[in-house]
Amino acid sequence: MAKKDMAGAAAKESYEASVAVRALERAGKCPQLKGHIHEVMFCDKYNVNPVNILKGNHADLTKSTVAKMKDVVMTDRAGHVIGHAQLKDTISNSGAAKTAKQILSGHYNKTVVYGTEETAAKVGKKLAGKAVQKVNSSGISSETTSSIANKALGKMPTMGALGNVAKSGGIAGAAFGAGIEAVSSISDVIDGKKDVGDAVIDVAGAGIKGGITGAASAAAGSAAAGVAGAAITAVAGTAATGFAVAAAPVAIGFVAATAVGSFVSSLFD
C-alpha cells in the first residue's frame, strides 16, 4: 500500500530532479537557473500536450543560453518552424518593470512572450490599458522554478520557501492519491465489490494520505538538497561548480524525499 501512495510523490520528485539536471547541463550553476528551469518545463509541457503529439509539433530550446529574442522554437512534423517563444520568470518589481519596458519598446514583437503565473500577473498590471502584446501565462509557478533551482544549487530553503514546497507537494500528492484510488474504486463499484458510499470515503482518505505524504516528502527533499549543497560547497569551496558536484544535491534531495514520504505513508498503514 505504501508503494502506491508514494508513487505520486516519487514521480513528482523524479521529474523535478530531471528538470534540475537538464538545467544544470544547459546553464551550469548560474544565479538565474530558475529561468532555465522554466524554459525546460515549458518545453516538456508543450511536448506532452496530446494535441501537439497528434499534430507532430515539438518545442526545443534554442542553442544559445542568453537568447535575447527567443528561448524556444516550435516546429511541425516536417521540421518547419511554426512559432517562437520568449520565456520570463521575473517576479521582482524591477524585473517585471524591465520586461514591461521591453514589451512597450516592441522588443518582442516577432515572438510570443510567456511568463510564469506570477510574472504574467505582475507584468500584466504594468501593461494594463496599453495596446501592446500581453504576457501569456505558462501555467508554471515561480515558486516551483525557485524550489527546483534551490535544490540544484544546494541552497538552504527559507521557512517560507519550505511552506510553499510542502503546499505544492501536498496538492500534487492529494490529486495523485485520490486519482489512483478513484480508478480502483470505480472498478470495484462496477464489479459489485464496493458500494458508492464506501468508494467516496476511500477516495477522500487516499487524497488526504497522498496530500500529507506529498507535502512531507517535498519539504524533506528541499531541505536535504540544501544541506547537501552547503556541505559540498564548504568542503570543495568555490571550485564546487562541476556538473557532478552540482547534481549531487538534486540526487540527495530525491533520496530524502522518497525516504520520508515512504515513512509517512507507512504511518497511515
C-alpha atoms as a PDB file:
ATOM      1  CA  MET A   1       0.000   0.000   0.000  1.00  0.00           C
ATOM      2  CA  ALA A   2       2.822   2.381   0.887  1.00  0.00           C
ATOM      3  CA  LYS A   3       4.431   1.923  -2.551  1.00  0.00           C
ATOM      4  CA  LYS A   4       1.248   3.010  -4.314  1.00  0.00           C
ATOM      5  CA  ASP A   5       0.863   6.013  -2.032  1.00  0.00           C
ATOM      6  CA  MET A   6       4.472   7.035  -2.649  1.00  0.00           C
ATOM      7  CA  ALA A   7       4.127   6.821  -6.424  1.00  0.00           C
ATOM      8  CA  GLY A   8       2.817  10.376  -6.796  1.00  0.00           C
ATOM      9  CA  ALA A   9       5.477  11.936  -4.586  1.00  0.00           C
ATOM     10  CA  ALA A  10       8.237   9.868  -6.180  1.00  0.00           C
ATOM     11  CA  ALA A  11       7.077  10.766  -9.693  1.00  0.00           C
ATOM     12  CA  LYS A  12       6.994  14.474  -8.845  1.00  0.00           C
ATOM     13  CA  GLU A  13      10.421  14.414  -7.190  1.00  0.00           C
ATOM     14  CA  SER A  14      11.869  12.340 -10.024  1.00  0.00           C
ATOM     15  CA  TYR A  15      10.557  14.722 -12.681  1.00  0.00           C
ATOM     16  CA  GLU A  16      11.792  17.811 -10.837  1.00  0.00           C
ATOM     17  CA  ALA A  17      15.195  16.153 -10.413  1.00  0.00           C
ATOM     18  CA  SER A  18      15.357  15.535 -14.176  1.00  0.00           C
ATOM     19  CA  VAL A  19      14.460  19.183 -14.822  1.00  0.00           C
ATOM     20  CA  ALA A  20      17.203  20.345 -12.452  1.00  0.00           C
ATOM     21  CA  VAL A  21      19.803  18.111 -14.068  1.00  0.00           C
ATOM     22  CA  ARG A  22      18.895  19.279 -17.592  1.00  0.00           C
ATOM     23  CA  ALA A  23      19.004  22.927 -16.495  1.00  0.00           C
ATOM     24  CA  LEU A  24      22.422  22.394 -14.916  1.00  0.00           C
ATOM     25  CA  GLU A  25      23.681  20.727 -18.080  1.00  0.00           C
ATOM     26  CA  ARG A  26      22.472  23.707 -20.090  1.00  0.00           C
ATOM     27  CA  ALA A  27      23.496  26.637 -17.914  1.00  0.00           C
ATOM     28  CA  GLY A  28      25.641  25.373 -15.025  1.00  0.00           C
ATOM     29  CA  LYS A  29      25.307  26.760 -11.512  1.00  0.00           C
ATOM     30  CA  CYS A  30      24.223  30.223 -12.597  1.00  0.00           C
ATOM     31  CA  PRO A  31      22.264  32.673 -10.402  1.00  0.00           C
ATOM     32  CA  GLN A  32      19.395  32.731 -12.908  1.00  0.00           C
ATOM     33  CA  LEU A  33      18.981  28.958 -13.036  1.00  0.00           C
ATOM     34  CA  LYS A  34      15.255  29.212 -12.288  1.00  0.00           C
ATOM     35  CA  GLY A  35      14.774  30.923 -15.656  1.00  0.00           C
ATOM     36  CA  HIS A  36      16.383  27.985 -17.435  1.00  0.00           C
ATOM     37  CA  ILE A  37      14.247  25.602 -15.372  1.00  0.00           C
ATOM     38  CA  HIS A  38      11.152  27.468 -16.545  1.00  0.00           C
ATOM     39  CA  GLU A  39      12.266  27.022 -20.155  1.00  0.00           C
ATOM     40  CA  VAL A  40      12.844  23.274 -19.714  1.00  0.00           C
ATOM     41  CA  MET A  41       9.457  22.796 -18.038  1.00  0.00           C
ATOM     42  CA  PHE A  42       7.717  24.870 -20.727  1.00  0.00           C
ATOM     43  CA  CYS A  43       9.102  22.604 -23.458  1.00  0.00           C
ATOM     44  CA  ASP A  44       8.126  19.484 -21.512  1.00  0.00           C
ATOM     45  CA  LYS A  45       4.592  20.782 -21.040  1.00  0.00           C
ATOM     46  CA  TYR A  46       4.273  21.638 -24.734  1.00  0.00           C
ATOM     47  CA  ASN A  47       5.663  18.303 -25.873  1.00  0.00           C
ATOM     48  CA  VAL A  48       3.376  16.128 -23.718  1.00  0.00           C
ATOM     49  CA  ASN A  49       0.254  18.005 -24.796  1.00  0.00           C
ATOM     50  CA  PRO A  50      -1.871  15.405 -26.649  1.00  0.00           C
ATOM     51  CA  VAL A  51      -2.832  17.943 -29.318  1.00  0.00           C
ATOM     52  CA  ASN A  52       0.815  18.668 -30.107  1.00  0.00           C
ATOM     53  CA  ILE A  53       1.676  14.973 -30.079  1.00  0.00           C
ATOM     54  CA  LEU A  54      -1.081  14.192 -32.609  1.00  0.00           C
ATOM     55  CA  LYS A  55      -0.066  17.099 -34.847  1.00  0.00           C
ATOM     56  CA  GLY A  56       3.599  16.211 -34.607  1.00  0.00           C
ATOM     57  CA  ASN A  57       4.512  19.610 -33.169  1.00  0.00           C
ATOM     58  CA  HIS A  58       7.578  19.854 -30.953  1.00  0.00           C
ATOM     59  CA  ALA A  59       9.250  22.533 -28.831  1.00  0.00           C
ATOM     60  CA  ASP A  60      13.022  22.791 -28.398  1.00  0.00           C
ATOM     61  CA  LEU A  61      15.299  25.182 -26.572  1.00  0.00           C
ATOM     62  CA  THR A  62      17.475  27.412 -28.733  1.00  0.00           C
ATOM     63  CA  LYS A  63      21.201  26.673 -28.699  1.00  0.00           C
ATOM     64  CA  SER A  64      22.027  29.983 -27.035  1.00  0.00           C
ATOM     65  CA  THR A  65      21.524  30.205 -23.270  1.00  0.00           C
ATOM     66  CA  VAL A  66      21.428  34.005 -23.434  1.00  0.00           C
ATOM     67  CA  ALA A  67      18.928  34.450 -26.271  1.00  0.00           C
ATOM     68  CA  LYS A  68      17.551  37.988 -26.412  1.00  0.00           C
ATOM     69  CA  MET A  69      14.578  37.376 -28.696  1.00  0.00           C
ATOM     70  CA  LYS A  70      13.516  33.721 -28.409  1.00  0.00           C
ATOM     71  CA  ASP A  71      14.249  30.915 -25.972  1.00  0.00           C
ATOM     72  CA  VAL A  72      12.079  28.222 -27.559  1.00  0.00           C
ATOM     73  CA  VAL A  73      11.404  27.225 -31.180  1.00  0.00           C
ATOM     74  CA  MET A  74       8.322  25.195 -32.135  1.00  0.00           C
ATOM     75  CA  THR A  75       8.402  23.014 -35.258  1.00  0.00           C
ATOM     76  CA  ASP A  76       5.871  20.810 -37.033  1.00  0.00           C
ATOM     77  CA  ARG A  77       6.199  17.203 -38.152  1.00  0.00           C
ATOM     78  CA  ALA A  78       8.090  18.242 -41.277  1.00  0.00           C
ATOM     79  CA  GLY A  79      10.548  20.314 -39.263  1.00  0.00           C
ATOM     80  CA  HIS A  80       9.141  23.677 -40.342  1.00  0.00           C
ATOM     81  CA  VAL A  81       9.216  26.453 -37.738  1.00  0.00           C
ATOM     82  CA  ILE A  82       5.677  27.259 -36.611  1.00  0.00           C
ATOM     83  CA  GLY A  83       6.394  29.567 -33.693  1.00  0.00           C
ATOM     84  CA  HIS A  84       8.824  31.115 -31.220  1.00  0.00           C
ATOM     85  CA  ALA A  85       8.531  31.812 -27.503  1.00  0.00           C
ATOM     86  CA  GLN A  86      10.411  34.066 -25.127  1.00  0.00           C
ATOM     87  CA  LEU A  87      10.218  32.858 -21.522  1.00  0.00           C
ATOM     88  CA  LYS A  88      10.167  35.120 -18.483  1.00  0.00           C
ATOM     89  CA  ASP A  89      10.479  34.349 -14.771  1.00  0.00           C
ATOM     90  CA  THR A  90      10.879  37.846 -13.341  1.00  0.00           C
ATOM     91  CA  ILE A  91       8.725  38.401 -10.285  1.00  0.00           C
ATOM     92  CA  SER A  92      10.661  41.229  -8.625  1.00  0.00           C
ATOM     93  CA  ASN A  93       9.341  44.746  -9.151  1.00  0.00           C
ATOM     94  CA  SER A  94      12.452  45.704 -11.107  1.00  0.00           C
ATOM     95  CA  GLY A  95      12.305  42.533 -13.199  1.00  0.00           C
ATOM     96  CA  ALA A  96       8.633  42.997 -14.034  1.00  0.00           C
ATOM     97  CA  ALA A  97       9.252  46.664 -14.880  1.00  0.00           C
ATOM     98  CA  LYS A  98      12.136  45.725 -17.205  1.00  0.00           C
ATOM     99  CA  THR A  99      10.002  43.150 -19.023  1.00  0.00           C
ATOM    100  CA  ALA A 100       7.153  45.653 -19.382  1.00  0.00           C
ATOM    101  CA  LYS A 101       9.581  48.243 -20.778  1.00  0.00           C
ATOM    102  CA  GLN A 102      10.937  45.736 -23.321  1.00  0.00           C
ATOM    103  CA  ILE A 103       7.422  44.899 -24.494  1.00  0.00           C
ATOM    104  CA  LEU A 104       6.462  48.584 -24.769  1.00  0.00           C
ATOM    105  CA  SER A 105       9.537  49.201 -26.913  1.00  0.00           C
ATOM    106  CA  GLY A 106       8.456  46.444 -29.304  1.00  0.00           C
ATOM    107  CA  HIS A 107      11.441  44.248 -28.449  1.00  0.00           C
ATOM    108  CA  TYR A 108       9.373  41.046 -28.624  1.00  0.00           C
ATOM    109  CA  ASN A 109       7.003  41.938 -31.464  1.00  0.00           C
ATOM    110  CA  LYS A 110       8.111  38.934 -33.524  1.00  0.00           C
ATOM    111  CA  THR A 111       7.684  36.315 -30.812  1.00  0.00           C
ATOM    112  CA  VAL A 112       5.199  35.229 -28.146  1.00  0.00           C
ATOM    113  CA  VAL A 113       6.082  36.023 -24.539  1.00  0.00           C
ATOM    114  CA  TYR A 114       5.263  33.501 -21.817  1.00  0.00           C
ATOM    115  CA  GLY A 115       5.816  34.208 -18.146  1.00  0.00           C
ATOM    116  CA  THR A 116       5.350  32.156 -15.025  1.00  0.00           C
ATOM    117  CA  GLU A 117       1.954  32.600 -13.409  1.00  0.00           C
ATOM    118  CA  GLU A 118       3.319  35.316 -11.118  1.00  0.00           C
ATOM    119  CA  THR A 119       5.300  37.039 -13.873  1.00  0.00           C
ATOM    120  CA  ALA A 120       2.310  37.194 -16.210  1.00  0.00           C
ATOM    121  CA  ALA A 121       0.207  38.750 -13.437  1.00  0.00           C
ATOM    122  CA  LYS A 122       2.807  41.350 -12.400  1.00  0.00           C
ATOM    123  CA  VAL A 123       3.783  42.431 -15.911  1.00  0.00           C
ATOM    124  CA  GLY A 124       0.119  42.399 -16.921  1.00  0.00           C
ATOM    125  CA  LYS A 125      -0.646  45.011 -14.270  1.00  0.00           C
ATOM    126  CA  LYS A 126       2.126  47.259 -15.552  1.00  0.00           C
ATOM    127  CA  LEU A 127       0.817  46.967 -19.119  1.00  0.00           C
ATOM    128  CA  ALA A 128      -2.857  47.390 -18.181  1.00  0.00           C
ATOM    129  CA  GLY A 129      -4.688  49.733 -20.535  1.00  0.00           C
ATOM    130  CA  LYS A 130      -1.879  49.803 -23.089  1.00  0.00           C
ATOM    131  CA  ALA A 131      -2.375  48.467 -26.623  1.00  0.00           C
ATOM    132  CA  VAL A 132       0.600  46.124 -26.621  1.00  0.00           C
ATOM    133  CA  GLN A 133       1.175  42.388 -26.710  1.00  0.00           C
ATOM    134  CA  LYS A 134       0.407  40.605 -23.485  1.00  0.00           C
ATOM    135  CA  VAL A 135       2.464  38.189 -21.448  1.00  0.00           C
ATOM    136  CA  ASN A 136       0.818  34.774 -21.573  1.00  0.00           C
ATOM    137  CA  SER A 137       0.934  32.544 -18.512  1.00  0.00           C
ATOM    138  CA  SER A 138       2.928  29.358 -18.979  1.00  0.00           C
ATOM    139  CA  GLY A 139       0.898  27.744 -16.200  1.00  0.00           C
ATOM    140  CA  ILE A 140       4.126  27.158 -14.268  1.00  0.00           C
ATOM    141  CA  SER A 141       4.652  28.855 -10.912  1.00  0.00           C
ATOM    142  CA  SER A 142       7.773  30.791  -9.926  1.00  0.00           C
ATOM    143  CA  GLU A 143       7.508  29.007  -6.583  1.00  0.00           C
ATOM    144  CA  THR A 144       8.126  25.739  -8.416  1.00  0.00           C
ATOM    145  CA  THR A 145      11.022  27.033 -10.531  1.00  0.00           C
ATOM    146  CA  SER A 146      12.646  28.627  -7.473  1.00  0.00           C
ATOM    147  CA  SER A 147      12.254  25.459  -5.409  1.00  0.00           C
ATOM    148  CA  ILE A 148      13.868  23.289  -8.101  1.00  0.00           C
ATOM    149  CA  ALA A 149      16.646  25.842  -8.612  1.00  0.00           C
ATOM    150  CA  ASN A 150      17.418  25.941  -4.881  1.00  0.00           C
ATOM    151  CA  LYS A 151      17.728  22.150  -4.837  1.00  0.00           C
ATOM    152  CA  ALA A 152      20.010  22.195  -7.861  1.00  0.00           C
ATOM    153  CA  LEU A 153      22.163  24.986  -6.430  1.00  0.00           C
ATOM    154  CA  GLY A 154      22.237  23.407  -2.976  1.00  0.00           C
ATOM    155  CA  LYS A 155      20.708  26.449  -1.271  1.00  0.00           C
ATOM    156  CA  MET A 156      19.131  26.121   2.145  1.00  0.00           C
ATOM    157  CA  PRO A 157      15.419  26.924   1.737  1.00  0.00           C
ATOM    158  CA  THR A 158      13.783  29.518   3.980  1.00  0.00           C
ATOM    159  CA  MET A 159      10.830  28.526   6.153  1.00  0.00           C
ATOM    160  CA  GLY A 160       8.553  30.376   3.750  1.00  0.00           C
ATOM    161  CA  ALA A 161      10.011  28.507   0.798  1.00  0.00           C
ATOM    162  CA  LEU A 162       9.630  25.187   2.602  1.00  0.00           C
ATOM    163  CA  GLY A 163       6.000  26.043   3.255  1.00  0.00           C
ATOM    164  CA  ASN A 164       5.416  26.710  -0.431  1.00  0.00           C
ATOM    165  CA  VAL A 165       7.176  23.475  -1.390  1.00  0.00           C
ATOM    166  CA  ALA A 166       5.112  21.483   1.099  1.00  0.00           C
ATOM    167  CA  LYS A 167       1.903  23.083  -0.167  1.00  0.00           C
ATOM    168  CA  SER A 168       2.764  22.290  -3.788  1.00  0.00           C
ATOM    169  CA  GLY A 169       3.808  18.738  -2.929  1.00  0.00           C
ATOM    170  CA  GLY A 170       0.676  18.237  -0.863  1.00  0.00           C
ATOM    171  CA  ILE A 171      -1.620  19.331  -3.680  1.00  0.00           C
ATOM    172  CA  ALA A 172       0.145  17.075  -6.167  1.00  0.00           C
ATOM    173  CA  GLY A 173       0.142  14.151  -3.745  1.00  0.00           C
ATOM    174  CA  ALA A 174      -3.522  14.571  -2.901  1.00  0.00           C
ATOM    175  CA  ALA A 175      -4.520  14.735  -6.565  1.00  0.00           C
ATOM    176  CA  PHE A 176      -2.457  11.679  -7.442  1.00  0.00           C
ATOM    177  CA  GLY A 177      -3.578   9.649  -4.427  1.00  0.00           C
ATOM    178  CA  ALA A 178      -7.258  10.429  -4.936  1.00  0.00           C
ATOM    179  CA  GLY A 179      -6.984   9.809  -8.673  1.00  0.00           C
ATOM    180  CA  ILE A 180      -5.440   6.360  -8.283  1.00  0.00           C
ATOM    181  CA  GLU A 181      -7.992   5.366  -5.644  1.00  0.00           C
ATOM    182  CA  ALA A 182     -10.857   6.705  -7.780  1.00  0.00           C
ATOM    183  CA  VAL A 183      -9.888   4.455 -10.679  1.00  0.00           C
ATOM    184  CA  SER A 184      -9.621   1.457  -8.366  1.00  0.00           C
ATOM    185  CA  SER A 185     -12.881   2.232  -6.537  1.00  0.00           C
ATOM    186  CA  ILE A 186     -14.873   2.766  -9.727  1.00  0.00           C
ATOM    187  CA  SER A 187     -13.776  -0.660 -10.877  1.00  0.00           C
ATOM    188  CA  ASP A 188     -14.799  -2.167  -7.522  1.00  0.00           C
ATOM    189  CA  VAL A 189     -18.223  -0.481  -7.667  1.00  0.00           C
ATOM    190  CA  ILE A 190     -18.816  -1.831 -11.175  1.00  0.00           C
ATOM    191  CA  ASP A 191     -17.761  -5.316 -10.057  1.00  0.00           C
ATOM    192  CA  GLY A 192     -20.042  -5.112  -7.011  1.00  0.00           C
ATOM    193  CA  LYS A 193     -17.161  -5.348  -4.541  1.00  0.00           C
ATOM    194  CA  LYS A 194     -17.830  -1.926  -3.054  1.00  0.00           C
ATOM    195  CA  ASP A 195     -20.821   0.398  -2.764  1.00  0.00           C
ATOM    196  CA  VAL A 196     -20.718   4.067  -3.792  1.00  0.00           C
ATOM    197  CA  GLY A 197     -20.599   5.352  -0.197  1.00  0.00           C
ATOM    198  CA  ASP A 198     -17.519   3.286   0.634  1.00  0.00           C
ATOM    199  CA  ALA A 199     -15.902   4.333  -2.633  1.00  0.00           C
ATOM    200  CA  VAL A 200     -16.318   8.027  -1.797  1.00  0.00           C
ATOM    201  CA  ILE A 201     -14.798   7.515   1.662  1.00  0.00           C
ATOM    202  CA  ASP A 202     -11.846   5.582   0.229  1.00  0.00           C
ATOM    203  CA  VAL A 203     -11.139   8.225  -2.402  1.00  0.00           C
ATOM    204  CA  ALA A 204     -11.248  11.009   0.205  1.00  0.00           C
ATOM    205  CA  GLY A 205      -8.949   9.047   2.504  1.00  0.00           C
ATOM    206  CA  ALA A 206      -6.478   8.415  -0.308  1.00  0.00           C
ATOM    207  CA  GLY A 207      -6.462  12.116  -1.114  1.00  0.00           C
ATOM    208  CA  ILE A 208      -5.688  13.070   2.494  1.00  0.00           C
ATOM    209  CA  LYS A 209      -2.993  10.436   2.768  1.00  0.00           C
ATOM    210  CA  GLY A 210      -1.462  11.409  -0.565  1.00  0.00           C
ATOM    211  CA  GLY A 211      -1.533  15.078   0.384  1.00  0.00           C
ATOM    212  CA  ILE A 212       0.280  14.621   3.686  1.00  0.00           C
ATOM    213  CA  THR A 213       2.773  12.214   2.154  1.00  0.00           C
ATOM    214  CA  GLY A 214       3.444  14.565  -0.758  1.00  0.00           C
ATOM    215  CA  ALA A 215       3.880  17.608   1.494  1.00  0.00           C
ATOM    216  CA  ALA A 216       6.308  15.811   3.811  1.00  0.00           C
ATOM    217  CA  SER A 217       8.385  14.318   1.004  1.00  0.00           C
ATOM    218  CA  ALA A 218       8.600  17.603  -0.915  1.00  0.00           C
ATOM    219  CA  ALA A 219       9.738  19.579   2.141  1.00  0.00           C
ATOM    220  CA  ALA A 220      12.253  16.890   3.099  1.00  0.00           C
ATOM    221  CA  GLY A 221      13.694  16.840  -0.408  1.00  0.00           C
ATOM    222  CA  SER A 222      14.239  20.603  -0.465  1.00  0.00           C
ATOM    223  CA  ALA A 223      15.789  20.677   2.996  1.00  0.00           C
ATOM    224  CA  ALA A 224      18.102  17.730   2.288  1.00  0.00           C
ATOM    225  CA  ALA A 225      19.235  19.230  -1.023  1.00  0.00           C
ATOM    226  CA  GLY A 226      20.040  22.489   0.746  1.00  0.00           C
ATOM    227  CA  VAL A 227      22.071  20.778   3.467  1.00  0.00           C
ATOM    228  CA  ALA A 228      23.926  18.679   0.886  1.00  0.00           C
ATOM    229  CA  GLY A 229      24.735  21.684  -1.260  1.00  0.00           C
ATOM    230  CA  ALA A 230      26.001  23.701   1.697  1.00  0.00           C
ATOM    231  CA  ALA A 231      28.173  20.799   2.849  1.00  0.00           C
ATOM    232  CA  ILE A 232      29.629  20.193  -0.627  1.00  0.00           C
ATOM    233  CA  THR A 233      30.418  23.871  -1.079  1.00  0.00           C
ATOM    234  CA  ALA A 234      32.047  24.020   2.371  1.00  0.00           C
ATOM    235  CA  VAL A 235      34.316  21.087   1.516  1.00  0.00           C
ATOM    236  CA  ALA A 236      35.086  21.939  -2.098  1.00  0.00           C
ATOM    237  CA  GLY A 237      34.962  25.705  -1.749  1.00  0.00           C
ATOM    238  CA  THR A 238      34.135  27.930  -4.693  1.00  0.00           C
ATOM    239  CA  ALA A 239      35.511  25.272  -7.026  1.00  0.00           C
ATOM    240  CA  ALA A 240      32.319  23.251  -6.489  1.00  0.00           C
ATOM    241  CA  THR A 241      30.964  24.045  -9.913  1.00  0.00           C
ATOM    242  CA  GLY A 242      31.390  20.789 -11.793  1.00  0.00           C
ATOM    243  CA  PHE A 243      28.273  19.092 -13.127  1.00  0.00           C
ATOM    244  CA  ALA A 244      28.690  16.009 -10.904  1.00  0.00           C
ATOM    245  CA  VAL A 245      29.043  18.203  -7.815  1.00  0.00           C
ATOM    246  CA  ALA A 246      26.171  20.448  -8.878  1.00  0.00           C
ATOM    247  CA  ALA A 247      23.845  17.499  -9.474  1.00  0.00           C
ATOM    248  CA  ALA A 248      24.631  15.827  -6.142  1.00  0.00           C
ATOM    249  CA  PRO A 249      22.162  17.900  -4.056  1.00  0.00           C
ATOM    250  CA  VAL A 250      19.405  17.013  -6.527  1.00  0.00           C
ATOM    251  CA  ALA A 251      20.066  13.293  -6.099  1.00  0.00           C
ATOM    252  CA  ILE A 252      20.322  13.563  -2.318  1.00  0.00           C
ATOM    253  CA  GLY A 253      17.112  15.580  -2.168  1.00  0.00           C
ATOM    254  CA  PHE A 254      15.309  12.937  -4.224  1.00  0.00           C
ATOM    255  CA  VAL A 255      16.503  10.133  -1.924  1.00  0.00           C
ATOM    256  CA  ALA A 256      15.454  12.075   1.176  1.00  0.00           C
ATOM    257  CA  ALA A 257      12.041  12.904  -0.280  1.00  0.00           C
ATOM    258  CA  THR A 258      11.393   9.273  -1.146  1.00  0.00           C
ATOM    259  CA  ALA A 259      12.542   8.007   2.253  1.00  0.00           C
ATOM    260  CA  VAL A 260      10.484  10.493   4.269  1.00  0.00           C
ATOM    261  CA  GLY A 261       7.448  10.037   2.054  1.00  0.00           C
ATOM    262  CA  SER A 262       7.640   6.273   2.461  1.00  0.00           C
ATOM    263  CA  PHE A 263       7.877   6.613   6.252  1.00  0.00           C
ATOM    264  CA  VAL A 264       4.908   8.989   6.472  1.00  0.00           C
ATOM    265  CA  SER A 265       2.850   6.731   4.221  1.00  0.00           C
ATOM    266  CA  SER A 266       3.678   3.720   6.414  1.00  0.00           C
ATOM    267  CA  LEU A 267       2.331   5.563   9.462  1.00  0.00           C
ATOM    268  CA  PHE A 268      -1.107   5.619   7.852  1.00  0.00           C
ATOM    269  CA  ASP A 269      -0.906   1.885   7.110  1.00  0.00           C
END
